[in-house]
C-alpha cells in the first residue's frame, strides 16, 4: 500500500496551483480505524446527518437525486472539491485527519455538485423551479476548473446569479465507500502523535 503520511501544524493547508483540482476528506481521528482494520471492512463511508428541526434530510436528498436522474446510495463518501480560488478551511469541523484522494482512480464514481449537497437539496424543496438550483459535473469533463470558478463567481457577485455555488464548499459525492487503495496521502496534525503512530503501523 503506497500512502504517504504527512503532518501539518495547527491548520491543514494544501497549496494548489492554478487550474488544479483536488479531492479531500476530513475524518475524525477515532474513525480512521474503519479504513485500515479488517474488522471494520477496511472502508469508510458517510451518512447524512439530520438537519434543523423539521427538516427531512433523507427526503430532500432523494428528491435531489431524482432531479439529476440518479439514485442515492446508502454508502457514499462526501469529498471536498478544493481549488486555488476556493480552498478555505471550512472542513476541519468534520475531522482533523485529512485524506487526499486519488481522483483518477475514483473519477468514474464521483458526482460533483454546485455546493453542499444538503444545502442544495433543501433549496430545491423550497422552490417550484427546482432544476435551476442544481448543476452537476464530473471529474473527467473538459473545462471543469473554469465551470466551477464561474459558479463560485456567481455566488460572490452582487446579484448572486443562478446557477451558483450553494453553501460553503463544492461537494463531490463518491457513490461507494472509500478504501485504502483510493488514498494518495494522509495529513495528520503534528500534535496527534498517537494517530500518526497508528497509521504508520497499519499501512
N, C-alpha and C. Protein backbone atom coordinates (compact mmCIF):
# COMPACT_ATOMS: atom_id res chain seq x y z
N UNK A 1 0.85 -1.19 0.00
CA UNK A 1 0.00 0.00 0.00
C UNK A 1 0.89 1.24 0.00
N UNK A 2 0.75 2.10 -0.99
CA UNK A 2 1.62 3.27 -1.12
C UNK A 2 0.86 4.54 -0.74
N UNK A 3 0.84 4.82 0.55
CA UNK A 3 0.19 6.02 1.06
C UNK A 3 1.24 6.85 1.79
N UNK A 4 1.37 8.10 1.41
CA UNK A 4 2.33 8.98 2.08
C UNK A 4 1.68 9.58 3.34
N UNK A 5 2.41 9.54 4.45
CA UNK A 5 1.94 10.13 5.69
C UNK A 5 2.65 11.47 5.90
N UNK A 6 1.88 12.53 6.02
CA UNK A 6 2.44 13.86 6.21
C UNK A 6 1.79 14.52 7.42
N UNK A 7 2.45 15.52 7.96
CA UNK A 7 1.91 16.22 9.11
C UNK A 7 1.69 17.69 8.77
N UNK A 8 0.81 18.31 9.52
CA UNK A 8 0.59 19.75 9.37
C UNK A 8 0.58 20.38 10.75
N UNK A 9 0.80 21.67 10.80
CA UNK A 9 0.86 22.39 12.06
C UNK A 9 -0.33 23.32 12.20
N UNK A 10 -1.10 23.09 13.27
CA UNK A 10 -2.26 23.93 13.61
C UNK A 10 -3.43 23.83 12.63
N UNK A 11 -3.19 24.08 11.36
CA UNK A 11 -4.29 24.10 10.38
C UNK A 11 -3.80 23.51 9.06
N UNK A 12 -4.55 22.56 8.53
CA UNK A 12 -4.18 21.95 7.26
C UNK A 12 -4.33 22.96 6.13
N UNK A 13 -3.32 23.05 5.29
CA UNK A 13 -3.37 23.90 4.10
C UNK A 13 -2.63 23.23 2.97
N UNK A 14 -3.28 23.06 1.85
CA UNK A 14 -2.67 22.46 0.67
C UNK A 14 -2.50 23.56 -0.37
N UNK A 15 -1.28 23.79 -0.79
CA UNK A 15 -1.01 24.85 -1.76
C UNK A 15 -1.31 24.35 -3.17
N UNK A 16 -2.33 24.92 -3.77
CA UNK A 16 -2.77 24.47 -5.09
C UNK A 16 -2.27 25.41 -6.17
N UNK A 17 -1.97 24.82 -7.31
CA UNK A 17 -1.61 25.60 -8.49
C UNK A 17 -2.87 26.04 -9.22
N UNK A 18 -2.75 27.04 -10.04
CA UNK A 18 -3.89 27.48 -10.85
C UNK A 18 -4.33 26.33 -11.75
N UNK A 19 -5.61 26.16 -11.87
CA UNK A 19 -6.25 25.10 -12.67
C UNK A 19 -6.20 23.73 -12.01
N UNK A 20 -5.63 23.64 -10.82
CA UNK A 20 -5.55 22.35 -10.13
C UNK A 20 -6.80 22.11 -9.30
N UNK A 21 -7.27 20.88 -9.30
CA UNK A 21 -8.41 20.46 -8.50
C UNK A 21 -8.01 19.22 -7.72
N UNK A 22 -8.25 19.24 -6.42
CA UNK A 22 -8.02 18.04 -5.62
C UNK A 22 -9.28 17.70 -4.84
N UNK A 23 -9.36 16.45 -4.42
CA UNK A 23 -10.48 15.98 -3.61
C UNK A 23 -9.94 15.51 -2.26
N UNK A 24 -10.51 16.03 -1.18
CA UNK A 24 -10.05 15.64 0.15
C UNK A 24 -11.23 15.22 1.02
N UNK A 25 -10.88 14.48 2.07
CA UNK A 25 -11.86 14.02 3.04
C UNK A 25 -11.31 14.26 4.43
N UNK A 26 -12.06 14.92 5.28
CA UNK A 26 -11.68 15.08 6.68
C UNK A 26 -12.35 13.99 7.51
N UNK A 27 -11.55 13.29 8.32
CA UNK A 27 -12.04 12.19 9.14
C UNK A 27 -11.65 12.43 10.59
N UNK A 28 -12.56 12.22 11.54
CA UNK A 28 -12.16 12.28 12.96
C UNK A 28 -11.14 11.19 13.27
N UNK A 29 -10.22 11.46 14.16
CA UNK A 29 -9.16 10.50 14.49
C UNK A 29 -9.71 9.13 14.88
N UNK A 30 -10.80 9.13 15.63
CA UNK A 30 -11.32 7.85 16.12
C UNK A 30 -12.07 7.04 15.05
N UNK A 31 -12.17 7.58 13.83
CA UNK A 31 -12.83 6.85 12.76
C UNK A 31 -11.86 6.37 11.68
N UNK A 32 -10.58 6.70 11.83
CA UNK A 32 -9.58 6.26 10.86
C UNK A 32 -9.49 4.73 10.83
N UNK A 33 -9.79 4.11 11.94
CA UNK A 33 -9.73 2.63 12.03
C UNK A 33 -10.62 1.94 11.00
N UNK A 34 -11.72 2.60 10.61
CA UNK A 34 -12.62 1.98 9.64
C UNK A 34 -11.92 1.74 8.30
N UNK A 35 -10.94 2.59 8.00
CA UNK A 35 -10.22 2.47 6.73
C UNK A 35 -9.20 1.35 6.71
N UNK A 36 -8.64 1.01 7.87
CA UNK A 36 -7.47 0.16 7.87
C UNK A 36 -7.61 -1.16 8.63
N UNK A 37 -8.71 -1.35 9.33
CA UNK A 37 -8.85 -2.58 10.11
C UNK A 37 -9.85 -3.53 9.44
N UNK A 38 -9.45 -4.78 9.34
CA UNK A 38 -10.28 -5.80 8.69
C UNK A 38 -11.62 -5.95 9.39
N UNK A 39 -11.62 -5.81 10.70
CA UNK A 39 -12.87 -5.96 11.47
C UNK A 39 -13.94 -4.98 11.03
N UNK A 40 -13.52 -3.85 10.46
CA UNK A 40 -14.47 -2.83 10.00
C UNK A 40 -14.61 -2.82 8.49
N UNK A 41 -14.02 -3.81 7.83
CA UNK A 41 -14.17 -3.93 6.39
C UNK A 41 -13.20 -3.11 5.57
N UNK A 42 -12.28 -2.40 6.23
CA UNK A 42 -11.33 -1.53 5.54
C UNK A 42 -12.03 -0.61 4.54
N UNK A 43 -13.04 0.06 5.03
CA UNK A 43 -13.76 1.01 4.20
C UNK A 43 -14.40 2.09 5.06
N UNK A 44 -14.54 3.24 4.48
CA UNK A 44 -15.13 4.38 5.19
C UNK A 44 -16.25 4.96 4.33
N UNK A 45 -17.37 5.23 4.95
CA UNK A 45 -18.45 5.92 4.24
C UNK A 45 -19.20 6.82 5.19
N UNK A 46 -19.93 7.72 4.62
CA UNK A 46 -20.61 8.75 5.41
C UNK A 46 -22.10 8.49 5.47
N UNK A 47 -22.78 9.31 6.22
CA UNK A 47 -24.24 9.32 6.22
C UNK A 47 -24.69 10.75 6.42
N UNK A 48 -25.84 11.07 5.88
CA UNK A 48 -26.37 12.42 6.01
C UNK A 48 -26.99 12.61 7.39
N UNK A 49 -26.42 13.51 8.16
CA UNK A 49 -26.96 13.80 9.48
C UNK A 49 -28.26 14.60 9.34
N UNK A 50 -29.14 14.41 10.30
CA UNK A 50 -30.39 15.16 10.29
C UNK A 50 -30.09 16.64 10.46
N UNK A 51 -30.78 17.49 9.73
CA UNK A 51 -30.55 18.92 9.76
C UNK A 51 -31.33 19.62 10.85
N UNK A 52 -31.79 20.81 10.54
CA UNK A 52 -32.55 21.59 11.50
C UNK A 52 -33.87 20.91 11.82
N UNK A 53 -34.46 21.27 12.93
CA UNK A 53 -35.71 20.64 13.36
C UNK A 53 -36.78 20.77 12.28
N UNK A 54 -37.40 19.67 11.98
CA UNK A 54 -38.46 19.67 10.98
C UNK A 54 -37.97 19.40 9.56
N UNK A 55 -36.66 19.37 9.35
CA UNK A 55 -36.11 19.13 8.02
C UNK A 55 -35.93 17.63 7.80
N UNK A 56 -36.51 17.11 6.73
CA UNK A 56 -36.39 15.70 6.39
C UNK A 56 -35.25 15.55 5.38
N UNK A 57 -34.03 15.36 5.88
CA UNK A 57 -32.85 15.33 5.02
C UNK A 57 -32.92 14.19 4.02
N UNK A 58 -33.32 13.01 4.47
CA UNK A 58 -33.38 11.84 3.58
C UNK A 58 -34.33 12.10 2.41
N UNK A 59 -35.47 12.69 2.70
CA UNK A 59 -36.45 13.01 1.64
C UNK A 59 -35.89 14.04 0.68
N UNK A 60 -35.22 15.06 1.23
CA UNK A 60 -34.64 16.11 0.40
C UNK A 60 -33.58 15.54 -0.54
N UNK A 61 -32.70 14.69 0.01
CA UNK A 61 -31.64 14.11 -0.80
C UNK A 61 -32.21 13.21 -1.89
N UNK A 62 -33.20 12.40 -1.54
CA UNK A 62 -33.84 11.52 -2.51
C UNK A 62 -34.44 12.33 -3.66
N UNK A 63 -35.09 13.42 -3.32
CA UNK A 63 -35.69 14.29 -4.34
C UNK A 63 -34.62 14.90 -5.23
N UNK A 64 -33.52 15.33 -4.62
CA UNK A 64 -32.42 15.92 -5.40
C UNK A 64 -31.87 14.92 -6.40
N UNK A 65 -31.69 13.67 -5.97
CA UNK A 65 -31.14 12.66 -6.87
C UNK A 65 -32.11 12.34 -8.00
N UNK A 66 -33.38 12.45 -7.75
CA UNK A 66 -34.35 12.24 -8.82
C UNK A 66 -34.22 13.32 -9.88
N UNK A 67 -33.96 14.54 -9.45
CA UNK A 67 -33.80 15.66 -10.38
C UNK A 67 -32.62 15.43 -11.31
N UNK A 68 -31.53 14.84 -10.78
CA UNK A 68 -30.34 14.61 -11.62
C UNK A 68 -30.35 13.21 -12.22
N UNK A 69 -31.48 12.52 -12.09
CA UNK A 69 -31.68 11.19 -12.69
C UNK A 69 -30.68 10.16 -12.18
N UNK A 70 -30.46 10.19 -10.87
CA UNK A 70 -29.60 9.22 -10.23
C UNK A 70 -30.29 8.68 -8.98
N UNK A 71 -29.74 7.61 -8.43
CA UNK A 71 -30.29 7.01 -7.22
C UNK A 71 -29.33 7.22 -6.07
N UNK A 72 -29.83 7.77 -4.98
CA UNK A 72 -28.99 7.96 -3.80
C UNK A 72 -28.63 6.61 -3.20
N UNK A 73 -27.39 6.47 -2.76
CA UNK A 73 -26.92 5.21 -2.19
C UNK A 73 -26.72 5.34 -0.69
N UNK A 74 -26.85 4.22 0.02
CA UNK A 74 -26.64 4.23 1.47
C UNK A 74 -25.17 4.44 1.81
N UNK A 75 -24.29 3.88 1.00
CA UNK A 75 -22.86 4.03 1.23
C UNK A 75 -22.29 5.04 0.24
N UNK A 76 -21.85 6.15 0.75
CA UNK A 76 -21.25 7.18 -0.10
C UNK A 76 -20.18 7.89 0.72
N UNK A 77 -19.35 8.67 0.03
CA UNK A 77 -18.33 9.47 0.69
C UNK A 77 -18.49 10.91 0.23
N UNK A 78 -18.50 11.81 1.18
CA UNK A 78 -18.62 13.24 0.88
C UNK A 78 -17.22 13.85 0.84
N UNK A 79 -16.82 14.30 -0.34
CA UNK A 79 -15.48 14.85 -0.54
C UNK A 79 -15.54 16.35 -0.80
N UNK A 80 -14.54 17.05 -0.32
CA UNK A 80 -14.42 18.48 -0.58
C UNK A 80 -13.65 18.68 -1.88
N UNK A 81 -14.18 19.52 -2.76
CA UNK A 81 -13.51 19.88 -4.00
C UNK A 81 -12.72 21.16 -3.74
N UNK A 82 -11.40 21.05 -3.76
CA UNK A 82 -10.55 22.20 -3.45
C UNK A 82 -9.88 22.72 -4.72
N UNK A 83 -9.87 24.05 -4.83
CA UNK A 83 -9.20 24.73 -5.94
C UNK A 83 -8.43 25.91 -5.36
N UNK A 84 -7.62 26.55 -6.19
CA UNK A 84 -6.87 27.70 -5.70
C UNK A 84 -7.79 28.87 -5.35
N UNK A 85 -8.96 28.94 -5.97
CA UNK A 85 -9.88 30.05 -5.68
C UNK A 85 -10.89 29.70 -4.57
N UNK A 86 -10.91 28.46 -4.16
CA UNK A 86 -11.90 28.03 -3.15
C UNK A 86 -11.27 26.95 -2.27
N UNK A 87 -10.39 27.38 -1.38
CA UNK A 87 -9.62 26.43 -0.57
C UNK A 87 -9.63 26.86 0.90
N UNK A 88 -10.76 27.38 1.33
CA UNK A 88 -10.87 27.86 2.72
C UNK A 88 -10.96 26.68 3.69
N UNK A 89 -10.80 26.98 4.96
CA UNK A 89 -10.75 25.91 5.96
C UNK A 89 -12.08 25.58 6.59
N UNK A 90 -13.09 25.34 5.76
CA UNK A 90 -14.41 25.02 6.30
C UNK A 90 -14.53 23.57 6.77
N UNK A 91 -13.54 22.75 6.46
CA UNK A 91 -13.71 21.32 6.58
C UNK A 91 -13.23 20.73 7.90
N UNK A 92 -12.46 21.50 8.67
CA UNK A 92 -11.84 20.96 9.88
C UNK A 92 -12.86 20.47 10.90
N UNK A 93 -14.08 21.00 10.85
CA UNK A 93 -15.11 20.57 11.79
C UNK A 93 -15.51 19.11 11.56
N UNK A 94 -15.17 18.57 10.39
CA UNK A 94 -15.53 17.19 10.08
C UNK A 94 -14.47 16.19 10.53
N UNK A 95 -13.31 16.68 10.95
CA UNK A 95 -12.26 15.79 11.41
C UNK A 95 -10.89 16.39 11.20
N UNK A 96 -9.93 15.97 12.03
CA UNK A 96 -8.59 16.56 11.96
C UNK A 96 -7.62 15.76 11.12
N UNK A 97 -8.03 14.59 10.64
CA UNK A 97 -7.21 13.81 9.72
C UNK A 97 -7.72 14.08 8.30
N UNK A 98 -6.79 14.50 7.43
CA UNK A 98 -7.17 14.88 6.07
C UNK A 98 -6.63 13.86 5.07
N UNK A 99 -7.50 13.33 4.28
CA UNK A 99 -7.15 12.32 3.28
C UNK A 99 -7.17 12.96 1.89
N UNK A 100 -6.06 12.84 1.18
CA UNK A 100 -6.02 13.26 -0.22
C UNK A 100 -6.33 12.05 -1.09
N UNK A 101 -7.40 12.15 -1.85
CA UNK A 101 -7.92 11.01 -2.60
C UNK A 101 -7.35 11.00 -4.02
N UNK A 102 -7.14 9.81 -4.54
CA UNK A 102 -6.67 9.62 -5.92
C UNK A 102 -7.84 9.88 -6.87
N UNK A 103 -7.89 11.09 -7.40
CA UNK A 103 -9.06 11.48 -8.20
C UNK A 103 -9.17 10.71 -9.52
N UNK A 104 -8.04 10.26 -10.04
CA UNK A 104 -8.10 9.47 -11.27
C UNK A 104 -8.74 8.11 -11.01
N UNK A 105 -8.40 7.51 -9.89
CA UNK A 105 -8.92 6.18 -9.56
C UNK A 105 -10.43 6.22 -9.31
N UNK A 106 -10.91 7.28 -8.71
CA UNK A 106 -12.33 7.32 -8.31
C UNK A 106 -13.21 8.14 -9.25
N UNK A 107 -12.65 8.68 -10.32
CA UNK A 107 -13.38 9.64 -11.15
C UNK A 107 -14.70 9.10 -11.68
N UNK A 108 -14.75 7.82 -12.00
CA UNK A 108 -15.98 7.25 -12.55
C UNK A 108 -17.09 7.12 -11.50
N UNK A 109 -16.72 7.21 -10.23
CA UNK A 109 -17.69 7.01 -9.15
C UNK A 109 -18.14 8.32 -8.50
N UNK A 110 -17.68 9.45 -9.04
CA UNK A 110 -17.88 10.73 -8.38
C UNK A 110 -18.81 11.64 -9.18
N UNK A 111 -19.72 12.29 -8.45
CA UNK A 111 -20.55 13.36 -9.00
C UNK A 111 -20.24 14.63 -8.21
N UNK A 112 -19.93 15.70 -8.92
CA UNK A 112 -19.64 16.98 -8.27
C UNK A 112 -20.88 17.86 -8.33
N UNK A 113 -21.29 18.36 -7.19
CA UNK A 113 -22.45 19.23 -7.11
C UNK A 113 -22.01 20.69 -7.00
N UNK A 114 -22.93 21.59 -7.32
CA UNK A 114 -22.62 23.02 -7.25
C UNK A 114 -22.74 23.55 -5.82
N UNK A 115 -22.18 22.80 -4.87
CA UNK A 115 -22.20 23.25 -3.49
C UNK A 115 -22.42 22.10 -2.53
N UNK A 116 -22.79 22.45 -1.31
CA UNK A 116 -23.10 21.49 -0.27
C UNK A 116 -24.40 20.77 -0.62
N UNK A 117 -24.35 19.46 -0.70
CA UNK A 117 -25.49 18.68 -1.20
C UNK A 117 -26.74 18.90 -0.34
N UNK A 118 -26.59 18.94 0.97
CA UNK A 118 -27.76 19.13 1.82
C UNK A 118 -28.36 20.53 1.64
N UNK A 119 -27.50 21.52 1.43
CA UNK A 119 -28.00 22.88 1.18
C UNK A 119 -28.77 22.94 -0.13
N UNK A 120 -28.23 22.29 -1.17
CA UNK A 120 -28.91 22.28 -2.46
C UNK A 120 -30.24 21.54 -2.35
N UNK A 121 -30.21 20.39 -1.68
CA UNK A 121 -31.43 19.58 -1.54
C UNK A 121 -32.52 20.34 -0.81
N UNK A 122 -32.15 21.08 0.21
CA UNK A 122 -33.12 21.88 0.96
C UNK A 122 -33.69 22.98 0.09
N UNK A 123 -32.81 23.62 -0.69
CA UNK A 123 -33.25 24.73 -1.54
C UNK A 123 -34.25 24.27 -2.60
N UNK A 124 -33.97 23.13 -3.24
CA UNK A 124 -34.86 22.68 -4.31
C UNK A 124 -36.23 22.27 -3.77
N UNK A 125 -36.30 21.90 -2.49
CA UNK A 125 -37.59 21.56 -1.89
C UNK A 125 -38.41 22.81 -1.57
N UNK A 126 -37.74 23.95 -1.57
CA UNK A 126 -38.41 25.20 -1.20
C UNK A 126 -38.83 26.03 -2.40
N UNK A 127 -38.55 25.53 -3.61
CA UNK A 127 -38.83 26.33 -4.80
C UNK A 127 -39.56 25.49 -5.84
N UNK A 128 -40.30 26.17 -6.71
CA UNK A 128 -41.02 25.47 -7.77
C UNK A 128 -40.09 25.10 -8.92
N UNK A 129 -39.22 26.03 -9.29
CA UNK A 129 -38.30 25.79 -10.40
C UNK A 129 -37.04 25.12 -9.87
N UNK A 130 -37.15 23.82 -9.58
CA UNK A 130 -36.09 23.13 -8.85
C UNK A 130 -34.80 23.00 -9.65
N UNK A 131 -34.91 22.68 -10.93
CA UNK A 131 -33.73 22.36 -11.72
C UNK A 131 -32.73 23.51 -11.79
N UNK A 132 -33.18 24.74 -11.70
CA UNK A 132 -32.26 25.87 -11.88
C UNK A 132 -31.25 25.98 -10.74
N UNK A 133 -31.53 25.34 -9.61
CA UNK A 133 -30.62 25.42 -8.47
C UNK A 133 -29.58 24.32 -8.46
N UNK A 134 -29.71 23.37 -9.39
CA UNK A 134 -28.83 22.20 -9.36
C UNK A 134 -27.96 22.16 -10.61
N UNK A 135 -26.67 21.95 -10.41
CA UNK A 135 -25.77 21.75 -11.54
C UNK A 135 -24.74 20.71 -11.12
N UNK A 136 -24.60 19.67 -11.90
CA UNK A 136 -23.64 18.62 -11.56
C UNK A 136 -22.54 18.54 -12.61
N UNK A 137 -21.38 18.05 -12.16
CA UNK A 137 -20.23 17.91 -13.05
C UNK A 137 -19.52 16.60 -12.74
N UNK A 138 -18.56 16.27 -13.61
CA UNK A 138 -17.80 15.04 -13.45
C UNK A 138 -16.31 15.35 -13.57
N UNK A 139 -15.49 14.53 -12.92
CA UNK A 139 -14.06 14.79 -12.85
C UNK A 139 -13.39 14.85 -14.22
N UNK A 140 -13.86 14.05 -15.16
CA UNK A 140 -13.17 13.95 -16.45
C UNK A 140 -13.76 14.87 -17.52
N UNK A 141 -14.65 15.78 -17.15
CA UNK A 141 -15.23 16.64 -18.18
C UNK A 141 -14.28 17.79 -18.51
N UNK A 142 -14.34 18.27 -19.77
CA UNK A 142 -13.46 19.37 -20.17
C UNK A 142 -13.81 20.66 -19.41
N UNK A 143 -12.81 21.47 -19.14
CA UNK A 143 -13.00 22.80 -18.55
C UNK A 143 -13.71 22.77 -17.19
N UNK A 144 -13.50 21.71 -16.44
CA UNK A 144 -14.16 21.61 -15.13
C UNK A 144 -13.74 22.76 -14.21
N UNK A 145 -12.47 23.09 -14.21
CA UNK A 145 -11.96 24.17 -13.37
C UNK A 145 -12.69 25.48 -13.68
N UNK A 146 -12.80 25.82 -14.95
CA UNK A 146 -13.46 27.07 -15.35
C UNK A 146 -14.94 27.06 -14.98
N UNK A 147 -15.59 25.93 -15.09
CA UNK A 147 -17.02 25.84 -14.78
C UNK A 147 -17.27 26.02 -13.29
N UNK A 148 -16.42 25.42 -12.47
CA UNK A 148 -16.55 25.60 -11.03
C UNK A 148 -16.26 27.05 -10.63
N UNK A 149 -15.27 27.62 -11.27
CA UNK A 149 -14.92 29.01 -10.95
C UNK A 149 -16.08 29.94 -11.29
N UNK A 150 -16.78 29.68 -12.38
CA UNK A 150 -17.93 30.50 -12.76
C UNK A 150 -19.03 30.41 -11.71
N UNK A 151 -19.28 29.20 -11.20
CA UNK A 151 -20.29 29.03 -10.15
C UNK A 151 -19.87 29.76 -8.88
N UNK A 152 -18.58 29.73 -8.59
CA UNK A 152 -18.05 30.43 -7.41
C UNK A 152 -18.22 31.93 -7.58
N UNK A 153 -17.90 32.45 -8.76
CA UNK A 153 -18.03 33.88 -9.02
C UNK A 153 -19.49 34.33 -8.99
N UNK A 154 -20.38 33.49 -9.49
CA UNK A 154 -21.81 33.82 -9.46
C UNK A 154 -22.31 33.97 -8.02
N UNK A 155 -21.82 33.10 -7.14
CA UNK A 155 -22.25 33.14 -5.74
C UNK A 155 -21.71 34.37 -5.03
N UNK A 156 -20.59 34.89 -5.50
CA UNK A 156 -19.96 36.02 -4.82
C UNK A 156 -20.21 37.35 -5.52
N UNK A 157 -21.02 37.34 -6.57
CA UNK A 157 -21.38 38.59 -7.23
C UNK A 157 -22.50 39.29 -6.46
N UNK A 158 -22.67 40.55 -6.69
CA UNK A 158 -23.71 41.32 -6.01
C UNK A 158 -25.09 40.75 -6.30
N UNK A 159 -25.27 40.23 -7.54
CA UNK A 159 -26.59 39.73 -7.94
C UNK A 159 -26.82 38.29 -7.50
N UNK A 160 -25.76 37.58 -7.08
CA UNK A 160 -25.83 36.15 -6.77
C UNK A 160 -26.57 35.41 -7.90
N UNK A 161 -25.92 35.37 -9.03
CA UNK A 161 -26.52 34.79 -10.23
C UNK A 161 -26.78 33.30 -10.06
N UNK A 162 -27.67 32.78 -10.88
CA UNK A 162 -28.02 31.36 -10.87
C UNK A 162 -27.66 30.77 -12.23
N UNK A 163 -27.09 29.57 -12.29
CA UNK A 163 -26.72 28.71 -11.15
C UNK A 163 -25.49 29.25 -10.43
N UNK A 164 -25.33 28.86 -9.19
CA UNK A 164 -24.20 29.34 -8.40
C UNK A 164 -23.82 28.30 -7.36
N UNK A 165 -22.69 28.54 -6.75
CA UNK A 165 -22.27 27.69 -5.65
C UNK A 165 -23.22 27.89 -4.48
N UNK A 166 -23.64 26.77 -3.87
CA UNK A 166 -24.57 26.81 -2.75
C UNK A 166 -23.86 26.31 -1.50
N UNK A 167 -23.91 27.09 -0.43
CA UNK A 167 -23.27 26.66 0.80
C UNK A 167 -21.79 27.04 0.82
N UNK A 168 -21.04 26.40 1.71
CA UNK A 168 -19.66 26.80 1.95
C UNK A 168 -18.64 26.17 1.02
N UNK A 169 -18.98 25.04 0.41
CA UNK A 169 -17.98 24.37 -0.42
C UNK A 169 -18.64 23.53 -1.50
N UNK A 170 -17.85 23.24 -2.55
CA UNK A 170 -18.30 22.31 -3.58
C UNK A 170 -18.13 20.90 -3.03
N UNK A 171 -19.19 20.12 -3.11
CA UNK A 171 -19.15 18.75 -2.60
C UNK A 171 -19.16 17.75 -3.74
N UNK A 172 -18.24 16.80 -3.67
CA UNK A 172 -18.25 15.67 -4.59
C UNK A 172 -18.70 14.45 -3.83
N UNK A 173 -19.66 13.74 -4.35
CA UNK A 173 -20.12 12.52 -3.69
C UNK A 173 -19.65 11.30 -4.48
N UNK A 174 -18.90 10.46 -3.80
CA UNK A 174 -18.48 9.19 -4.38
C UNK A 174 -19.52 8.15 -4.00
N UNK A 175 -20.05 7.49 -4.98
CA UNK A 175 -21.20 6.60 -4.79
C UNK A 175 -20.80 5.21 -4.32
N UNK A 176 -19.82 5.16 -3.47
CA UNK A 176 -19.39 3.91 -2.83
C UNK A 176 -18.52 4.27 -1.63
N UNK A 177 -18.09 3.27 -0.89
CA UNK A 177 -17.22 3.51 0.25
C UNK A 177 -15.79 3.80 -0.21
N UNK A 178 -15.05 4.52 0.61
CA UNK A 178 -13.64 4.78 0.36
C UNK A 178 -12.81 3.63 0.91
N UNK A 179 -11.81 3.20 0.16
CA UNK A 179 -10.91 2.13 0.59
C UNK A 179 -9.48 2.65 0.63
N UNK A 180 -8.57 1.95 1.28
CA UNK A 180 -7.17 2.40 1.33
C UNK A 180 -6.55 2.59 -0.06
N UNK A 181 -6.98 1.79 -1.02
CA UNK A 181 -6.43 1.89 -2.37
C UNK A 181 -6.77 3.21 -3.05
N UNK A 182 -7.77 3.91 -2.54
CA UNK A 182 -8.20 5.19 -3.12
C UNK A 182 -7.39 6.38 -2.60
N UNK A 183 -6.48 6.14 -1.66
CA UNK A 183 -5.81 7.22 -0.94
C UNK A 183 -4.38 7.44 -1.44
N UNK A 184 -4.04 8.72 -1.67
CA UNK A 184 -2.67 9.08 -2.03
C UNK A 184 -1.86 9.50 -0.82
N UNK A 185 -2.44 10.37 0.00
CA UNK A 185 -1.74 10.93 1.15
C UNK A 185 -2.68 11.09 2.33
N UNK A 186 -2.12 11.02 3.53
CA UNK A 186 -2.86 11.30 4.76
C UNK A 186 -2.11 12.38 5.53
N UNK A 187 -2.84 13.43 5.90
CA UNK A 187 -2.25 14.54 6.65
C UNK A 187 -2.77 14.49 8.08
N UNK A 188 -1.84 14.53 9.03
CA UNK A 188 -2.18 14.40 10.45
C UNK A 188 -1.59 15.58 11.20
N UNK A 189 -2.37 16.15 12.11
CA UNK A 189 -1.86 17.22 12.96
C UNK A 189 -0.63 16.73 13.70
N UNK A 190 0.46 17.50 13.65
CA UNK A 190 1.72 17.05 14.26
C UNK A 190 1.60 16.77 15.75
N UNK A 191 0.60 17.35 16.39
CA UNK A 191 0.38 17.12 17.83
C UNK A 191 -0.29 15.78 18.09
N UNK A 192 -0.88 15.19 17.06
CA UNK A 192 -1.62 13.94 17.22
C UNK A 192 -0.68 12.75 17.03
N UNK A 193 0.21 12.57 17.98
CA UNK A 193 1.25 11.54 17.87
C UNK A 193 0.66 10.14 17.85
N UNK A 194 -0.39 9.92 18.63
CA UNK A 194 -0.99 8.58 18.73
C UNK A 194 -1.54 8.12 17.39
N UNK A 195 -2.30 8.98 16.72
CA UNK A 195 -2.91 8.57 15.45
C UNK A 195 -1.84 8.44 14.36
N UNK A 196 -0.78 9.24 14.45
CA UNK A 196 0.31 9.11 13.47
C UNK A 196 0.97 7.75 13.59
N UNK A 197 1.27 7.34 14.83
CA UNK A 197 1.88 6.04 15.05
C UNK A 197 0.95 4.92 14.60
N UNK A 198 -0.35 5.09 14.84
CA UNK A 198 -1.31 4.06 14.43
C UNK A 198 -1.30 3.91 12.91
N UNK A 199 -1.40 5.02 12.18
CA UNK A 199 -1.43 4.96 10.72
C UNK A 199 -0.13 4.35 10.18
N UNK A 200 0.98 4.72 10.78
CA UNK A 200 2.26 4.16 10.34
C UNK A 200 2.30 2.64 10.53
N UNK A 201 1.61 2.17 11.53
CA UNK A 201 1.63 0.72 11.82
C UNK A 201 0.73 -0.10 10.93
N UNK A 202 -0.24 0.54 10.31
CA UNK A 202 -1.23 -0.23 9.53
C UNK A 202 -1.08 -0.11 8.04
N UNK A 203 -0.24 0.82 7.58
CA UNK A 203 -0.10 0.92 6.11
C UNK A 203 1.29 0.47 5.66
